[in-house]
Amino acid sequence: MKTYQELSKEELLALKAELEKAYEEEKGKGLKLDMSRGKPSVAQLDMVMDIFDVLNSDSDMISMEGVDVRNYGVLDGLMEAKHMMADMMEVPADHVIIYGNASLNIMYDAVSSAMTHGVMGGTPWGKLDRVKFLCPVPGYDRHFSITEYFGIEMIPVPMTPEGPDMDMVESLVEQDDSIKGIWCVPKYSNPQGYTYSDETVRRFARLKPAAGDFRIFWDNAYAVHHLYDETEQQDKVLEILSECEKAGNPDMVYEFASTSKVSFSGAGVAAIASSKRNLDCIRKTLTIQTIGYDKINQLRHVRYFKNFDGIKAHMRKHAALMRPKFETVLRALERELAGTGIGQWTNPRGGYFISFESMEGCAKAIVAKCREAGVTLTGAGATYPYGKDPRDSNIRIAPTYPTPEELAMATELFVLCVKLVSVEKLLEQMG
């Protein structure tokens, strides 16, 4: 089989005509499918509807520590909720604070507080001439939106299957005291689905930052989001807090997690895990910021899942719905694009995304053609700071939300658009 790059101009023109005809037929189907974000499907949300049945007007609303959850008190979360989230993050419960429904909100608060009041008594970042963040790429667009919002300069760091390029991370962090943080999705990363190797985690823990207020923003969003039930098919990541403590850097990490894709994305439970000193500083802010987060929802989640084993059992149900969708996309990519030379993709074992690399200069055109024919993808460039992919090649595929039937149609269109745009690019290069 020839790659597209090996085809003659005449062969490319003939293929272009064939692909254009197929594309017009796809446009005629009137598709309206959304694959723009990694959202749970309706079927996944339906699985947890009975969480509303665990509390009612006759329920005991007293926590394990004797707190009436309907009233004020317990600013940093119910103890039973701390234990549940701590087990998910593999940290001690006394290293956890429970927030509201979204870990993204905690990350925003952490950056905002550092900008206005500094980190642990340090100079507020907003009073410094320059503040920089390292951003593994491709990465999570909402992370980048936070740092961009606060005017923080973002420095791209290439991702590898082992995690961020640690030679680059170490060199930058240890020489430049204006670098104050790094965004990390250590397990089933967004969008590639990579998991940081043990050595990568240990190198993070051993960092010697030039900035004393440098923090690793460890977004463990997919801690329990495996696609496969067998242990040997599940990725594992070293627990970063204990590694930092061993390395003499106990305060260097903020770890975030939530049940957003475990229970309800709009009504879950979110948490931060960190050192005692970091948490003590955070609590001082919380006393001013809130009278307390939703303890009724915390209690509801604990009584529904009961413990971490309950969460793991529930996540196996998620995997049963998600796995066939990922496999549908991967089979189509392999069947239609393997050996063509016009695309590469990741094959994740968990998380919510597949990362696709097109030929250079093609991603925006592929996404635009998909949209024109009725399939909405994440905007090309979104996985890079400022929305600028220097190669214009990365596309994030989110298979979870469509039904299996919709996903098959969307993937067929996507592959067609990849082929058509690639042929057009090659013809353009031929002049």
Protein backbone atom coordinates (compact mmCIF):
# COMPACT_ATOMS: atom_id res chain seq x y z
CA MET A 1 0.00 0.00 0.00
CA LYS A 2 1.31 3.43 -0.94
CA THR A 3 1.29 6.31 1.50
CA TYR A 4 -0.52 9.42 0.28
CA GLN A 5 2.87 11.12 -0.03
CA GLU A 6 3.92 8.45 -2.56
CA LEU A 7 0.94 9.03 -4.86
CA SER A 8 1.44 10.87 -8.14
CA LYS A 9 -0.35 14.11 -8.89
CA GLU A 10 -2.75 12.27 -11.20
CA GLU A 11 -3.52 9.69 -8.51
CA LEU A 12 -4.12 12.43 -5.95
CA LEU A 13 -6.47 14.30 -8.29
CA ALA A 14 -8.48 11.13 -8.95
CA LEU A 15 -8.65 10.41 -5.22
CA LYS A 16 -9.69 14.00 -4.54
CA ALA A 17 -12.62 13.73 -6.93
CA GLU A 18 -13.74 10.49 -5.29
CA LEU A 19 -13.44 11.96 -1.78
CA GLU A 20 -15.27 15.16 -2.69
CA LYS A 21 -18.20 13.14 -3.99
CA ALA A 22 -18.33 11.13 -0.76
CA TYR A 23 -18.09 14.33 1.29
CA GLU A 24 -21.06 15.91 -0.50
CA GLU A 25 -23.07 12.77 0.25
CA GLU A 26 -22.14 13.07 3.94
CA LYS A 27 -23.20 16.72 3.98
CA GLY A 28 -26.54 15.67 2.57
CA LYS A 29 -27.27 13.51 5.61
CA GLY A 30 -27.93 16.58 7.76
CA LEU A 31 -25.87 15.36 10.73
CA LYS A 32 -25.86 17.36 13.98
CA LEU A 33 -23.41 15.59 16.27
CA ASP A 34 -21.31 17.05 19.10
CA MET A 35 -17.89 15.59 19.91
CA SER A 36 -16.45 18.86 21.18
CA ARG A 37 -16.00 18.03 24.86
CA GLY A 38 -15.40 14.98 26.99
CA LYS A 39 -18.91 14.76 28.42
CA PRO A 40 -20.51 11.67 29.95
CA SER A 41 -23.32 10.28 27.81
CA VAL A 42 -26.95 10.35 28.85
CA ALA A 43 -26.69 6.61 29.59
CA GLN A 44 -23.81 7.27 32.00
CA LEU A 45 -25.77 9.97 33.81
CA ASP A 46 -28.85 7.75 33.98
CA MET A 47 -26.82 5.08 35.82
CA VAL A 48 -26.49 7.27 38.90
CA MET A 49 -30.02 8.72 39.12
CA ASP A 50 -30.75 6.62 42.19
CA ILE A 51 -28.25 8.72 44.15
CA PHE A 52 -31.23 10.99 44.78
CA ASP A 53 -32.96 8.18 46.67
CA VAL A 54 -30.35 7.88 49.43
CA LEU A 55 -31.51 11.09 51.15
CA ASN A 56 -35.10 12.21 51.59
CA SER A 57 -37.17 14.16 54.11
CA ASP A 58 -37.02 11.23 56.56
CA SER A 59 -33.24 10.71 56.31
CA ASP A 60 -30.78 11.00 59.17
CA MET A 61 -28.85 14.16 58.26
CA ILE A 62 -26.14 13.78 60.88
CA SER A 63 -22.56 13.07 59.77
CA MET A 64 -20.20 10.56 61.37
CA GLU A 65 -18.83 13.36 63.56
CA GLY A 66 -22.29 14.39 64.73
CA VAL A 67 -22.67 17.41 62.43
CA ASP A 68 -26.12 18.38 61.16
CA VAL A 69 -25.32 18.76 57.46
CA ARG A 70 -28.26 21.11 56.94
CA ASN A 71 -26.63 23.79 59.07
CA TYR A 72 -23.45 25.86 59.21
CA GLY A 73 -20.13 24.31 60.13
CA VAL A 74 -17.37 22.02 58.88
CA LEU A 75 -15.79 24.48 56.49
CA ASP A 76 -13.36 22.02 54.91
CA GLY A 77 -15.68 19.08 54.36
CA LEU A 78 -17.26 16.11 56.11
CA MET A 79 -14.80 13.57 57.47
CA GLU A 80 -16.47 10.70 55.62
CA ALA A 81 -16.22 12.65 52.35
CA LYS A 82 -12.54 13.32 53.04
CA HIS A 83 -11.93 9.61 53.52
CA MET A 84 -13.72 8.74 50.28
CA MET A 85 -11.86 11.31 48.18
CA ALA A 86 -8.55 10.57 49.95
CA ASP A 87 -8.86 6.92 48.99
CA MET A 88 -9.50 7.95 45.37
CA MET A 89 -6.33 10.09 45.41
CA GLU A 90 -4.35 7.57 47.49
CA VAL A 91 -3.50 10.11 50.20
CA PRO A 92 -4.26 10.38 53.95
CA ALA A 93 -7.64 11.93 54.77
CA ASP A 94 -6.03 14.68 56.86
CA HIS A 95 -4.33 15.96 53.68
CA VAL A 96 -7.69 16.68 52.00
CA ILE A 97 -10.15 19.59 51.85
CA ILE A 98 -13.56 19.06 50.23
CA TYR A 99 -14.94 21.86 48.06
CA GLY A 100 -18.00 22.18 45.83
CA ASN A 101 -18.75 20.38 42.58
CA ALA A 102 -15.79 21.32 40.37
CA SER A 103 -12.04 20.88 40.74
CA LEU A 104 -11.51 23.53 38.04
CA ASN A 105 -12.94 26.06 40.48
CA ILE A 106 -10.31 25.04 43.09
CA MET A 107 -7.52 25.49 40.53
CA TYR A 108 -8.83 28.92 39.60
CA ASP A 109 -9.01 29.90 43.29
CA ALA A 110 -5.44 28.69 43.86
CA VAL A 111 -4.08 30.82 41.00
CA SER A 112 -6.26 33.80 41.94
CA SER A 113 -5.13 33.69 45.57
CA ALA A 114 -1.48 33.45 44.52
CA MET A 115 -1.94 36.49 42.27
CA THR A 116 -3.51 38.66 44.96
CA HIS A 117 -1.97 37.36 48.21
CA GLY A 118 0.98 35.18 47.25
CA VAL A 119 1.74 31.60 48.22
CA MET A 120 2.38 30.90 51.87
CA GLY A 121 3.41 34.46 52.71
CA GLY A 122 5.35 35.06 49.51
CA THR A 123 5.10 38.09 47.23
CA PRO A 124 1.76 38.20 45.41
CA TRP A 125 2.34 37.07 41.84
CA GLY A 126 0.37 40.06 40.61
CA LYS A 127 3.08 42.39 41.97
CA LEU A 128 5.88 40.68 40.06
CA ASP A 129 7.17 41.88 36.70
CA ARG A 130 6.75 38.46 35.10
CA VAL A 131 4.96 35.27 36.07
CA LYS A 132 5.26 32.12 33.96
CA PHE A 133 3.68 28.66 33.92
CA LEU A 134 4.83 25.52 32.16
CA CYS A 135 2.16 23.90 29.99
CA PRO A 136 2.63 20.31 28.74
CA VAL A 137 1.32 20.16 25.17
CA PRO A 138 -0.98 19.06 23.84
CA GLY A 139 -2.90 19.66 27.05
CA TYR A 140 -6.15 20.70 28.71
CA ASP A 141 -7.56 23.92 27.28
CA ARG A 142 -9.32 24.95 30.50
CA HIS A 143 -6.01 24.88 32.39
CA PHE A 144 -4.54 27.22 29.81
CA SER A 145 -7.59 29.49 29.99
CA ILE A 146 -7.00 30.08 33.71
CA THR A 147 -3.38 31.16 33.34
CA GLU A 148 -4.18 33.23 30.24
CA TYR A 149 -6.99 34.98 32.13
CA PHE A 150 -4.55 36.14 34.80
CA GLY A 151 -1.98 37.30 32.26
CA ILE A 152 0.49 34.56 33.15
CA GLU A 153 2.97 33.76 30.40
CA MET A 154 2.63 30.16 29.26
CA ILE A 155 5.60 28.09 28.11
CA PRO A 156 4.79 24.93 26.12
CA VAL A 157 6.59 21.74 27.17
CA PRO A 158 6.32 18.73 24.82
CA MET A 159 4.51 15.65 26.13
CA THR A 160 5.95 12.17 25.67
CA PRO A 161 4.37 8.77 26.47
CA GLU A 162 6.26 8.98 29.81
CA GLY A 163 4.89 12.45 30.65
CA PRO A 164 6.27 15.97 30.09
CA ASP A 165 9.81 16.37 28.76
CA MET A 166 11.48 16.36 32.19
CA ASP A 167 14.87 17.52 30.92
CA MET A 168 13.17 20.69 29.75
CA VAL A 169 11.05 21.00 32.91
CA GLU A 170 14.07 20.67 35.20
CA SER A 171 16.17 23.09 33.18
CA LEU A 172 13.49 25.78 33.11
CA VAL A 173 12.21 25.44 36.68
CA GLU A 174 15.64 25.32 38.28
CA GLN A 175 16.99 28.38 36.42
CA ASP A 176 14.06 30.80 36.21
CA ASP A 177 12.43 32.10 39.41
CA SER A 178 9.59 33.68 37.42
CA ILE A 179 8.27 30.17 36.65
CA LYS A 180 5.68 29.62 39.37
CA GLY A 181 3.88 26.46 38.33
CA ILE A 182 3.14 23.68 35.87
CA TRP A 183 -0.15 22.14 34.80
CA CYS A 184 -0.21 18.33 34.98
CA VAL A 185 -2.79 15.64 34.18
CA PRO A 186 -0.73 12.68 35.39
CA LYS A 187 -3.06 9.81 34.56
CA TYR A 188 -4.74 9.28 31.19
CA SER A 189 -3.73 12.81 30.21
CA ASN A 190 -6.00 15.14 28.29
CA PRO A 191 -5.93 14.65 25.31
CA GLN A 192 -3.38 11.89 24.68
CA GLY A 193 -4.33 9.45 27.41
CA TYR A 194 -0.71 9.12 28.58
CA THR A 195 0.17 8.23 32.17
CA TYR A 196 3.30 9.62 33.81
CA SER A 197 6.00 7.00 34.43
CA ASP A 198 7.36 6.36 37.93
CA GLU A 199 10.60 8.08 36.96
CA THR A 200 8.73 11.16 35.73
CA VAL A 201 6.85 11.43 39.04
CA ARG A 202 10.08 11.02 41.02
CA ARG A 203 11.79 13.70 38.92
CA PHE A 204 8.90 16.05 39.64
CA ALA A 205 9.27 15.33 43.35
CA ARG A 206 13.02 16.02 43.22
CA LEU A 207 12.72 19.39 41.44
CA LYS A 208 14.76 22.23 42.90
CA PRO A 209 12.78 25.27 41.76
CA ALA A 210 14.45 28.66 41.66
CA ALA A 211 11.10 30.04 42.91
CA GLY A 212 10.30 29.11 46.49
CA ASP A 213 6.59 29.52 45.70
CA PHE A 214 6.63 27.15 42.71
CA ARG A 215 3.69 24.72 42.73
CA ILE A 216 2.83 21.64 40.69
CA PHE A 217 -0.87 21.73 39.79
CA TRP A 218 -1.52 17.96 39.75
CA ASP A 219 -4.98 17.54 38.19
CA ASN A 220 -5.75 13.87 38.86
CA ALA A 221 -9.01 14.13 36.94
CA TYR A 222 -9.00 10.55 35.61
CA ALA A 223 -7.72 8.70 38.69
CA VAL A 224 -10.39 5.98 38.42
CA HIS A 225 -11.37 6.31 34.78
CA HIS A 226 -10.11 3.04 33.34
CA LEU A 227 -11.52 1.60 30.13
CA TYR A 228 -10.61 -1.98 31.03
CA ASP A 229 -11.38 -4.11 34.09
CA GLU A 230 -8.23 -6.24 34.16
CA THR A 231 -5.57 -4.78 36.46
CA GLU A 232 -2.80 -5.39 33.94
CA GLN A 233 -4.70 -3.24 31.42
CA GLN A 234 -5.03 -0.32 33.82
CA ASP A 235 -2.43 2.41 34.16
CA LYS A 236 -1.04 3.34 37.57
CA VAL A 237 0.68 6.52 38.65
CA LEU A 238 2.93 7.01 41.67
CA GLU A 239 1.39 9.05 44.49
CA ILE A 240 3.04 12.47 44.19
CA LEU A 241 2.54 13.88 47.71
CA SER A 242 4.45 11.08 49.42
CA GLU A 243 7.18 11.23 46.77
CA CYS A 244 7.58 14.98 47.38
CA GLU A 245 7.77 14.41 51.12
CA LYS A 246 10.49 11.79 50.63
CA ALA A 247 12.40 14.24 48.42
CA GLY A 248 12.17 17.04 50.99
CA ASN A 249 9.59 19.05 48.98
CA PRO A 250 6.37 18.44 50.96
CA ASP A 251 4.74 21.76 50.00
CA MET A 252 5.37 21.68 46.24
CA VAL A 253 2.11 20.05 45.07
CA TYR A 254 -1.57 20.90 44.89
CA GLU A 255 -3.47 17.78 43.84
CA PHE A 256 -7.03 18.04 42.53
CA ALA A 257 -9.77 15.47 41.95
CA SER A 258 -13.54 15.27 41.70
CA THR A 259 -16.45 12.95 41.02
CA SER A 260 -17.47 15.04 37.99
CA LYS A 261 -17.28 12.03 35.66
CA VAL A 262 -18.13 9.53 38.38
CA SER A 263 -21.52 10.83 39.51
CA PHE A 264 -22.81 14.06 37.91
CA SER A 265 -20.61 16.53 36.09
CA GLY A 266 -22.70 19.41 37.40
CA ALA A 267 -23.30 18.11 40.91
CA GLY A 268 -20.32 16.08 42.08
CA VAL A 269 -17.80 16.52 44.87
CA ALA A 270 -14.36 18.10 44.36
CA ALA A 271 -11.28 18.04 46.57
CA ILE A 272 -7.73 19.29 46.95
CA ALA A 273 -4.93 17.30 48.58
CA SER A 274 -1.73 18.93 49.74
CA SER A 275 0.66 19.38 52.67
CA LYS A 276 -0.55 20.50 56.08
CA ARG A 277 1.10 23.92 55.62
CA ASN A 278 -0.58 24.47 52.26
CA LEU A 279 -3.97 23.37 53.60
CA ASP A 280 -3.67 25.65 56.65
CA CYS A 281 -3.14 28.62 54.32
CA ILE A 282 -6.09 27.57 52.17
CA ARG A 283 -8.37 27.29 55.21
CA LYS A 284 -7.63 30.92 56.14
CA THR A 285 -8.96 31.98 52.76
CA LEU A 286 -11.98 29.68 53.03
CA THR A 287 -13.10 31.35 56.28
CA ILE A 288 -13.54 34.56 54.26
CA GLN A 289 -14.69 33.04 51.00
CA THR A 290 -17.54 30.79 52.12
CA ILE A 291 -19.65 29.62 55.04
CA GLY A 292 -19.14 26.08 53.78
CA TYR A 293 -19.72 23.95 50.72
CA ASP A 294 -22.68 21.66 50.09
CA LYS A 295 -22.47 19.13 52.94
CA ILE A 296 -25.77 17.55 51.95
CA ASN A 297 -24.28 16.64 48.58
CA GLN A 298 -21.14 15.33 50.28
CA LEU A 299 -23.25 13.12 52.56
CA ARG A 300 -25.37 11.97 49.60
CA HIS A 301 -22.26 10.83 47.73
CA VAL A 302 -20.79 8.98 50.69
CA ARG A 303 -24.02 7.16 51.48
CA TYR A 304 -24.48 6.26 47.83
CA PHE A 305 -20.96 4.96 47.08
CA LYS A 306 -20.24 4.00 50.72
CA ASN A 307 -16.48 3.81 50.12
CA PHE A 308 -13.81 3.66 47.45
CA ASP A 309 -14.77 0.08 46.56
CA GLY A 310 -18.23 1.40 45.72
CA ILE A 311 -16.69 4.01 43.41
CA LYS A 312 -14.57 1.39 41.66
CA ALA A 313 -17.60 -0.86 41.14
CA HIS A 314 -19.53 2.07 39.68
CA MET A 315 -16.65 3.00 37.37
CA ARG A 316 -16.71 -0.51 35.89
CA LYS A 317 -20.23 0.33 34.67
CA HIS A 318 -18.88 3.51 33.07
CA ALA A 319 -16.13 1.52 31.38
CA ALA A 320 -18.64 -0.95 29.95
CA LEU A 321 -20.39 1.94 28.16
CA MET A 322 -17.27 3.86 27.13
CA ARG A 323 -14.95 1.07 26.01
CA PRO A 324 -16.97 0.08 22.89
CA LYS A 325 -17.05 3.75 21.83
CA PHE A 326 -13.29 4.13 22.05
CA GLU A 327 -12.84 0.85 20.22
CA THR A 328 -15.24 1.99 17.48
CA VAL A 329 -13.13 5.08 16.82
CA LEU A 330 -9.81 3.26 17.04
CA ARG A 331 -10.94 0.47 14.69
CA ALA A 332 -12.06 3.04 12.11
CA LEU A 333 -8.79 4.98 12.34
CA GLU A 334 -6.79 1.77 11.98
CA ARG A 335 -8.91 0.45 9.12
CA GLU A 336 -8.99 3.68 7.11
CA LEU A 337 -5.77 5.52 7.95
CA ALA A 338 -3.11 3.03 9.04
CA GLY A 339 -0.23 3.08 6.56
CA THR A 340 -1.49 6.16 4.71
CA GLY A 341 1.06 8.54 6.24
CA ILE A 342 -1.59 11.19 6.92
CA GLY A 343 -2.37 10.60 10.58
CA GLN A 344 -1.23 9.18 13.91
CA TRP A 345 -3.25 8.66 17.05
CA THR A 346 -3.00 7.49 20.64
CA ASN A 347 -4.54 4.29 21.98
CA PRO A 348 -5.43 5.15 25.59
CA ARG A 349 -6.41 2.71 28.32
CA GLY A 350 -8.50 5.27 30.19
CA GLY A 351 -9.61 8.87 30.38
CA TYR A 352 -11.95 10.60 27.97
CA PHE A 353 -9.99 11.39 24.81
CA ILE A 354 -8.04 10.15 21.82
CA SER A 355 -5.37 12.50 20.47
CA PHE A 356 -5.03 12.64 16.68
CA GLU A 357 -2.07 14.14 14.81
CA SER A 358 -2.78 15.06 11.21
CA MET A 359 -0.28 16.17 8.61
CA GLU A 360 1.20 19.55 9.49
CA GLY A 361 -1.09 22.42 8.54
CA CYS A 362 -4.26 20.33 8.28
CA ALA A 363 -6.00 20.28 11.68
CA LYS A 364 -8.01 23.51 11.33
CA ALA A 365 -9.22 22.53 7.87
CA ILE A 366 -10.24 19.04 9.04
CA VAL A 367 -12.22 20.44 11.98
CA ALA A 368 -13.86 23.03 9.71
CA LYS A 369 -14.90 20.41 7.14
CA CYS A 370 -16.35 18.21 9.89
CA ARG A 371 -18.32 21.16 11.25
CA GLU A 372 -19.61 22.05 7.78
CA ALA A 373 -20.94 18.50 7.44
CA GLY A 374 -22.57 18.48 10.89
CA VAL A 375 -19.97 17.11 13.34
CA THR A 376 -18.58 19.52 15.94
CA LEU A 377 -15.08 18.77 17.27
CA THR A 378 -12.93 20.63 19.77
CA GLY A 379 -11.44 23.61 17.97
CA ALA A 380 -8.04 22.94 16.42
CA GLY A 381 -5.37 24.58 18.55
CA ALA A 382 -7.40 24.37 21.75
CA THR A 383 -4.92 21.89 23.22
CA TYR A 384 -2.15 24.51 23.10
CA PRO A 385 -1.65 27.77 25.04
CA TYR A 386 -3.39 30.74 23.45
CA GLY A 387 -5.09 28.30 21.06
CA LYS A 388 -2.01 28.24 18.84
CA ASP A 389 -0.78 24.82 17.71
CA PRO A 390 2.50 25.66 15.93
CA ARG A 391 2.12 22.65 13.63
CA ASP A 392 -1.66 22.94 13.20
CA SER A 393 -1.86 19.17 13.54
CA ASN A 394 -3.46 18.17 16.86
CA ILE A 395 -7.15 17.26 17.09
CA ARG A 396 -8.80 16.06 20.29
CA ILE A 397 -11.40 13.34 19.71
CA ALA A 398 -14.02 12.94 22.45
CA PRO A 399 -15.92 9.66 21.87
CA THR A 400 -18.03 9.53 25.04
CA TYR A 401 -21.11 11.69 24.50
CA PRO A 402 -22.64 10.46 21.19
CA THR A 403 -24.64 7.23 21.03
CA PRO A 404 -22.78 4.29 19.42
CA GLU A 405 -24.72 4.81 16.21
CA GLU A 406 -23.95 8.54 16.12
CA LEU A 407 -20.31 7.86 16.90
CA ALA A 408 -19.96 5.46 13.97
CA MET A 409 -21.34 8.14 11.60
CA ALA A 410 -19.17 10.88 13.12
CA THR A 411 -16.01 8.78 12.87
CA GLU A 412 -16.75 7.89 9.25
CA LEU A 413 -17.06 11.60 8.45
CA PHE A 414 -13.92 12.45 10.41
CA VAL A 415 -11.82 9.93 8.52
CA LEU A 416 -13.22 11.19 5.22
CA CYS A 417 -12.31 14.78 6.13
CA VAL A 418 -8.78 13.74 7.14
CA LYS A 419 -8.30 12.10 3.76
CA LEU A 420 -9.75 14.98 1.75
CA VAL A 421 -7.83 17.73 3.54
CA SER A 422 -4.60 15.71 3.34
CA VAL A 423 -4.99 15.24 -0.41
CA GLU A 424 -5.67 18.96 -0.83
CA LYS A 425 -2.55 19.81 1.22
CA LEU A 426 -0.35 17.47 -0.82
CA LEU A 427 -1.66 18.90 -4.09
CA GLU A 428 -1.02 22.40 -2.78
CA GLN A 429 2.56 21.42 -1.95
CA MET A 430 2.98 20.15 -5.51
CA GLY A 431 2.03 23.59 -6.77
